[in-house]
């Protein structure tokens, strides 16, 4: 195969999580279940926040955006794998692989930046409560989310365009269940020094920058809570941060787990298995974390379900009328 020519015609082969045929049905059922839970769980969060006017504040605006990004992130990585298992094919086209890679980086970066913006929101709510509503107005919230999208899109575009410049050899098997950029770059049969540098820079930017912002925000929050005299006040202030802290913990621990597993074992399949945690499990758990730990969202979800039930009753009663 001539490097760089036939790749665009033949595409890549996604090896998936296992090459054992007898495990494919189990993997399909498990990942389809997790995908549907992620999809409906996050959609419920978005609908509950949208329909309850009491939740039209900055914190819930960011939560609904995070839920939307989680749906897109999981769809980007999981849907192609489910389709391939169903049609018993491992092929992903060259264009499809580049597209999947672009959206994977885009939504992963968005997740990271949104968690940082949410930490800033909690910092203002607890450390500057009197000016919180004035500072975090709808215009600023919209601009912060837009900025997250622009930075993420530019980073993703940069990395994807650099991969487009690579030539690939005869080995086109990706030992992963989606087109993870590091695995794709390793298949190139040309110099990948620039790609490696950009990947390292992006990893530091996405890992170090947002994490530093989150840690700074929570250091200020801890000092502010420490200055509150009443135990009830301390508990109330801290309780507004618990859900976000759990999500941040899951996101960064799962990402760190992927890095450590690939670095320790040098096994691509180990890295693919570890990737399941932050590509599927974390987005699936986020709606449960925010709904179970947040009284306002639980109330909104209850109201939404009651509204659906009441409408269903009205429709059924109208159908029974002659």
Protein backbone atom coordinates (compact mmCIF):
# COMPACT_ATOMS: atom_id res chain seq x y z
CA UNK A 1 0.00 0.00 0.00
CA UNK A 2 1.36 3.44 -0.92
CA UNK A 3 1.52 5.57 2.22
CA UNK A 4 -1.12 8.27 2.41
CA UNK A 5 -2.93 7.31 -0.82
CA UNK A 6 -5.04 4.22 -0.15
CA UNK A 7 -5.82 5.12 3.45
CA UNK A 8 -8.49 7.59 2.32
CA UNK A 9 -10.14 4.81 0.31
CA UNK A 10 -9.81 1.83 2.68
CA UNK A 11 -10.15 3.59 6.03
CA UNK A 12 -9.18 2.14 9.41
CA UNK A 13 -10.12 -0.93 11.43
CA UNK A 14 -11.35 -0.40 14.99
CA UNK A 15 -10.37 -3.45 17.03
CA UNK A 16 -12.78 -2.55 19.84
CA UNK A 17 -12.57 -3.75 23.41
CA UNK A 18 -12.31 -7.44 22.58
CA UNK A 19 -11.65 -9.58 19.52
CA UNK A 20 -13.53 -12.55 21.01
CA UNK A 21 -16.72 -13.15 18.96
CA UNK A 22 -18.63 -14.62 21.92
CA UNK A 23 -18.15 -11.39 23.91
CA UNK A 24 -19.56 -9.07 21.24
CA UNK A 25 -23.21 -9.58 22.23
CA UNK A 26 -22.40 -8.89 25.89
CA UNK A 27 -20.38 -5.75 25.00
CA UNK A 28 -23.19 -4.54 22.71
CA UNK A 29 -25.87 -5.03 25.37
CA UNK A 30 -23.82 -3.44 28.14
CA UNK A 31 -22.78 -0.37 26.12
CA UNK A 32 -26.23 0.10 24.59
CA UNK A 33 -27.72 0.11 28.11
CA UNK A 34 -25.15 2.62 29.37
CA UNK A 35 -25.63 4.80 26.29
CA UNK A 36 -29.42 4.89 26.70
CA UNK A 37 -29.10 5.68 30.43
CA UNK A 38 -26.67 8.50 29.58
CA UNK A 39 -28.93 9.82 26.82
CA UNK A 40 -32.22 9.82 28.76
CA UNK A 41 -30.63 10.85 32.08
CA UNK A 42 -28.98 13.93 30.63
CA UNK A 43 -32.04 14.78 28.52
CA UNK A 44 -34.18 14.69 31.66
CA UNK A 45 -31.78 17.11 33.37
CA UNK A 46 -31.93 19.50 30.38
CA UNK A 47 -35.74 19.33 30.16
CA UNK A 48 -36.23 19.75 33.92
CA UNK A 49 -34.00 22.85 33.99
CA UNK A 50 -35.56 24.32 30.83
CA UNK A 51 -39.16 23.91 32.05
CA UNK A 52 -38.66 25.16 35.63
CA UNK A 53 -38.25 28.95 35.67
CA UNK A 54 -36.82 28.78 39.21
CA UNK A 55 -33.75 27.01 37.78
CA UNK A 56 -33.02 29.68 35.19
CA UNK A 57 -29.86 30.83 36.99
CA UNK A 58 -26.19 30.50 36.08
CA UNK A 59 -25.45 27.27 38.00
CA UNK A 60 -28.22 25.31 36.29
CA UNK A 61 -27.47 26.93 32.92
CA UNK A 62 -23.96 25.45 33.12
CA UNK A 63 -25.30 22.07 34.31
CA UNK A 64 -27.66 21.85 31.33
CA UNK A 65 -24.80 22.71 28.98
CA UNK A 66 -22.64 20.03 30.60
CA UNK A 67 -25.45 17.49 30.13
CA UNK A 68 -25.74 18.40 26.45
CA UNK A 69 -21.97 18.03 25.96
CA UNK A 70 -22.01 14.67 27.77
CA UNK A 71 -24.70 13.38 25.38
CA UNK A 72 -22.64 14.51 22.37
CA UNK A 73 -19.39 13.13 23.84
CA UNK A 74 -20.83 9.67 24.48
CA UNK A 75 -22.60 9.60 21.11
CA UNK A 76 -19.34 10.48 19.34
CA UNK A 77 -17.37 7.62 20.91
CA UNK A 78 -19.96 4.87 21.46
CA UNK A 79 -22.46 5.00 18.60
CA UNK A 80 -20.02 3.89 15.88
CA UNK A 81 -18.85 0.96 18.03
CA UNK A 82 -22.46 -0.18 18.56
CA UNK A 83 -23.19 0.05 14.84
CA UNK A 84 -20.02 -1.90 13.97
CA UNK A 85 -20.88 -4.69 16.41
CA UNK A 86 -24.43 -4.88 15.02
CA UNK A 87 -23.31 -5.09 11.36
CA UNK A 88 -20.28 -7.22 12.30
CA UNK A 89 -17.76 -4.83 10.80
CA UNK A 90 -14.70 -3.07 12.23
CA UNK A 91 -14.26 -0.56 9.41
CA UNK A 92 -14.42 3.19 9.85
CA UNK A 93 -13.78 5.38 6.82
CA UNK A 94 -10.84 7.79 6.73
CA UNK A 95 -13.18 10.78 6.75
CA UNK A 96 -15.31 9.19 9.47
CA UNK A 97 -12.25 8.62 11.64
CA UNK A 98 -11.04 12.21 11.29
CA UNK A 99 -14.56 13.50 11.99
CA UNK A 100 -14.91 11.29 15.07
CA UNK A 101 -11.50 12.43 16.29
CA UNK A 102 -12.44 16.09 15.82
CA UNK A 103 -15.67 15.82 17.81
CA UNK A 104 -14.05 13.62 20.48
CA UNK A 105 -11.41 16.30 21.18
CA UNK A 106 -14.03 19.06 20.94
CA UNK A 107 -16.41 17.58 23.52
CA UNK A 108 -13.63 16.36 25.83
CA UNK A 109 -12.19 19.89 25.92
CA UNK A 110 -15.67 21.37 26.42
CA UNK A 111 -16.25 19.10 29.40
CA UNK A 112 -12.99 20.32 30.91
CA UNK A 113 -13.64 24.02 30.35
CA UNK A 114 -17.27 23.85 31.52
CA UNK A 115 -16.19 22.23 34.80
CA UNK A 116 -13.76 25.14 35.28
CA UNK A 117 -16.47 27.73 34.56
CA UNK A 118 -18.75 25.95 37.05
CA UNK A 119 -16.01 26.16 39.70
CA UNK A 120 -15.75 29.91 39.03
CA UNK A 121 -19.54 30.16 39.39
CA UNK A 122 -19.40 28.44 42.81
CA UNK A 123 -16.51 30.73 43.83
CA UNK A 124 -18.58 33.84 43.09
CA UNK A 125 -21.72 32.41 44.74
CA UNK A 126 -19.94 31.64 48.03
CA UNK A 127 -17.18 34.25 48.21
CA UNK A 128 -19.14 37.18 46.70
CA UNK A 129 -22.82 36.36 47.37
CA UNK A 130 -24.02 40.00 47.29
CA UNK A 131 -22.62 40.61 43.80
CA UNK A 132 -23.18 37.07 42.47
CA UNK A 133 -26.41 37.73 40.51
CA UNK A 134 -25.01 40.99 39.12
CA UNK A 135 -21.72 39.46 37.95
CA UNK A 136 -23.08 36.13 36.68
CA UNK A 137 -25.77 37.69 34.52
CA UNK A 138 -27.21 35.81 31.50
CA UNK A 139 -24.97 37.75 29.10
CA UNK A 140 -21.76 36.76 30.90
CA UNK A 141 -22.92 33.14 31.22
CA UNK A 142 -23.58 32.99 27.49
CA UNK A 143 -20.20 34.55 26.71
CA UNK A 144 -18.37 32.08 28.97
CA UNK A 145 -20.03 29.11 27.28
CA UNK A 146 -19.35 30.60 23.84
CA UNK A 147 -15.69 31.11 24.77
CA UNK A 148 -15.48 27.45 25.86
CA UNK A 149 -16.88 26.37 22.47
CA UNK A 150 -14.51 28.61 20.49
CA UNK A 151 -11.34 27.50 22.33
CA UNK A 152 -12.35 23.82 22.18
CA UNK A 153 -13.22 24.04 18.47
CA UNK A 154 -9.90 25.71 17.62
CA UNK A 155 -7.85 23.16 19.57
CA UNK A 156 -9.75 20.30 18.00
CA UNK A 157 -9.42 21.78 14.51
CA UNK A 158 -5.67 22.25 14.95
CA UNK A 159 -5.08 18.65 15.99
CA UNK A 160 -7.36 17.24 13.29
CA UNK A 161 -5.71 19.28 10.52
CA UNK A 162 -2.28 18.06 11.60
CA UNK A 163 -3.47 14.44 11.42
CA UNK A 164 -4.74 15.12 7.88
CA UNK A 165 -1.16 15.88 6.85
CA UNK A 166 0.08 12.43 7.90
CA UNK A 167 0.73 9.47 5.63
CA UNK A 168 -0.26 6.00 6.82
CA UNK A 169 1.30 2.63 6.13
CA UNK A 170 -0.22 -0.82 5.64
CA UNK A 171 -1.09 -1.36 9.32
CA UNK A 172 -4.40 0.46 9.71
CA UNK A 173 -5.72 -1.35 12.81
CA UNK A 174 -6.55 0.96 15.71
CA UNK A 175 -6.41 -0.94 19.05
CA UNK A 176 -9.31 1.05 20.44
CA UNK A 177 -13.11 1.31 20.15
CA UNK A 178 -12.96 4.81 18.64
CA UNK A 179 -10.44 6.94 16.72
CA UNK A 180 -8.37 8.14 19.64
CA UNK A 181 -5.84 10.65 18.31
CA UNK A 182 -2.75 9.13 19.94
CA UNK A 183 -3.52 5.69 18.49
CA UNK A 184 -4.12 7.14 15.02
CA UNK A 185 -0.89 9.17 15.04
CA UNK A 186 1.08 6.06 16.02
CA UNK A 187 -0.04 4.38 12.78
CA UNK A 188 1.63 7.07 10.63
CA UNK A 189 4.72 6.13 8.65
CA UNK A 190 6.11 9.66 8.52
CA UNK A 191 7.57 12.09 11.03
CA UNK A 192 5.02 12.86 13.78
CA UNK A 193 7.20 15.19 15.86
CA UNK A 194 4.91 18.21 15.36
CA UNK A 195 1.83 16.13 16.16
CA UNK A 196 3.46 14.85 19.34
CA UNK A 197 4.39 18.38 20.41
CA UNK A 198 0.87 19.70 19.79
CA UNK A 199 -0.68 16.71 21.60
CA UNK A 200 1.60 17.32 24.58
CA UNK A 201 0.79 21.05 24.57
CA UNK A 202 -2.95 20.36 24.36
CA UNK A 203 -2.77 17.79 27.17
CA UNK A 204 -0.96 20.27 29.42
CA UNK A 205 -3.39 23.06 28.48
CA UNK A 206 -6.51 20.94 29.04
CA UNK A 207 -5.16 19.13 32.09
CA UNK A 208 -3.12 21.78 33.89
CA UNK A 209 -4.92 25.04 33.07
CA UNK A 210 -8.51 24.15 34.00
CA UNK A 211 -7.39 22.07 37.00
CA UNK A 212 -5.37 25.02 38.31
CA UNK A 213 -8.44 27.24 37.94
CA UNK A 214 -10.63 24.71 39.76
CA UNK A 215 -8.11 24.30 42.60
CA UNK A 216 -7.73 28.08 42.96
CA UNK A 217 -11.52 28.58 43.08
CA UNK A 218 -11.97 25.91 45.73
CA UNK A 219 -9.06 27.16 47.83
CA UNK A 220 -10.88 30.50 48.02
CA UNK A 221 -14.17 28.71 48.74
CA UNK A 222 -12.60 26.74 51.62
CA UNK A 223 -11.23 29.92 53.20
CA UNK A 224 -14.60 31.63 52.78
CA UNK A 225 -16.51 28.71 54.32
CA UNK A 226 -14.01 28.59 57.18
CA UNK A 227 -14.92 32.20 57.97
CA UNK A 228 -18.64 31.41 58.33
CA UNK A 229 -19.53 31.24 62.02
CA UNK A 230 -22.63 29.04 62.05
CA UNK A 231 -22.42 25.27 61.29
CA UNK A 232 -25.66 25.52 59.30
CA UNK A 233 -24.16 28.24 57.13
CA UNK A 234 -21.02 26.20 56.51
CA UNK A 235 -23.08 23.12 55.59
CA UNK A 236 -25.35 25.08 53.25
CA UNK A 237 -22.39 26.70 51.48
CA UNK A 238 -20.48 23.44 51.11
CA UNK A 239 -23.53 21.44 49.98
CA UNK A 240 -23.82 23.60 46.85
CA UNK A 241 -20.34 22.42 45.79
CA UNK A 242 -20.57 18.69 46.53
CA UNK A 243 -22.11 17.63 43.20
CA UNK A 244 -19.58 19.63 41.19
CA UNK A 245 -16.68 18.27 43.26
CA UNK A 246 -17.84 14.69 42.64
CA UNK A 247 -18.06 15.26 38.89
CA UNK A 248 -14.61 16.91 38.83
CA UNK A 249 -13.18 14.02 40.86
CA UNK A 250 -14.66 11.45 38.45
CA UNK A 251 -13.49 13.32 35.35
CA UNK A 252 -9.89 13.88 36.41
CA UNK A 253 -9.43 10.53 38.14
CA UNK A 254 -10.71 8.63 35.10
CA UNK A 255 -8.52 10.71 32.76
CA UNK A 256 -5.52 10.12 35.01
CA UNK A 257 -6.37 6.42 35.09
CA UNK A 258 -6.22 6.25 31.28
CA UNK A 259 -2.82 7.96 31.25
CA UNK A 260 -1.36 5.77 34.01
CA UNK A 261 -2.70 2.54 32.51
CA UNK A 262 -1.18 3.27 29.11
CA UNK A 263 2.11 4.47 30.64
CA UNK A 264 2.47 1.54 33.06
CA UNK A 265 1.48 -1.34 30.80
CA UNK A 266 2.25 0.12 27.34
CA UNK A 267 -0.84 -1.79 26.26
CA UNK A 268 -3.29 -0.11 23.92
CA UNK A 269 -6.09 -2.48 24.96
CA UNK A 270 -5.57 -1.56 28.63
CA UNK A 271 -5.83 2.10 27.65
CA UNK A 272 -9.01 1.39 25.66
CA UNK A 273 -10.60 -0.40 28.62
CA UNK A 274 -9.65 2.45 30.96
CA UNK A 275 -11.10 4.97 28.46
CA UNK A 276 -14.55 3.48 29.07
CA UNK A 277 -14.55 5.20 32.47
CA UNK A 278 -14.42 8.78 31.19
CA UNK A 279 -16.13 8.28 27.82
CA UNK A 280 -19.13 6.31 29.09
CA UNK A 281 -19.30 5.83 32.85
CA UNK A 282 -18.66 9.45 33.93
CA UNK A 283 -21.27 10.99 31.55
CA UNK A 284 -23.72 8.28 32.66
CA UNK A 285 -23.22 9.05 36.37
CA UNK A 286 -23.37 12.85 36.08
CA UNK A 287 -27.23 13.06 35.94
CA UNK A 288 -27.48 10.83 39.04
CA UNK A 289 -24.94 12.95 40.91
CA UNK A 290 -26.72 16.22 40.13
CA UNK A 291 -30.25 14.89 40.67
CA UNK A 292 -29.61 12.92 43.87
CA UNK A 293 -27.49 15.63 45.52
CA UNK A 294 -29.61 18.63 44.46
CA UNK A 295 -33.06 19.33 45.92
CA UNK A 296 -33.93 21.89 43.24
CA UNK A 297 -33.28 19.46 40.37
CA UNK A 298 -35.13 16.66 42.21
CA UNK A 299 -38.11 18.99 42.61
CA UNK A 300 -37.95 20.01 38.95
CA UNK A 301 -37.70 16.36 37.81
CA UNK A 302 -40.65 15.43 39.99
CA UNK A 303 -42.67 18.29 38.56
CA UNK A 304 -41.74 17.32 35.00
CA UNK A 305 -42.75 13.67 35.54
CA UNK A 306 -46.04 14.75 37.15
CA UNK A 307 -46.74 17.03 34.19
CA UNK A 308 -46.11 14.17 31.73
CA UNK A 309 -48.39 11.84 33.74
CA UNK A 310 -51.17 14.45 33.89
CA UNK A 311 -50.96 15.12 30.15
CA UNK A 312 -51.07 11.39 29.47
CA UNK A 313 -54.21 11.08 31.61
CA UNK A 314 -55.88 13.95 29.73
CA UNK A 315 -55.02 12.41 26.34
CA UNK A 316 -56.35 8.99 27.43
CA UNK A 317 -59.58 10.53 28.77
CA UNK A 318 -60.11 12.44 25.50
CA UNK A 319 -59.63 9.24 23.50
CA UNK A 320 -62.30 7.50 25.57
CA UNK A 321 -64.82 10.28 24.86
CA UNK A 322 -67.15 9.45 21.92
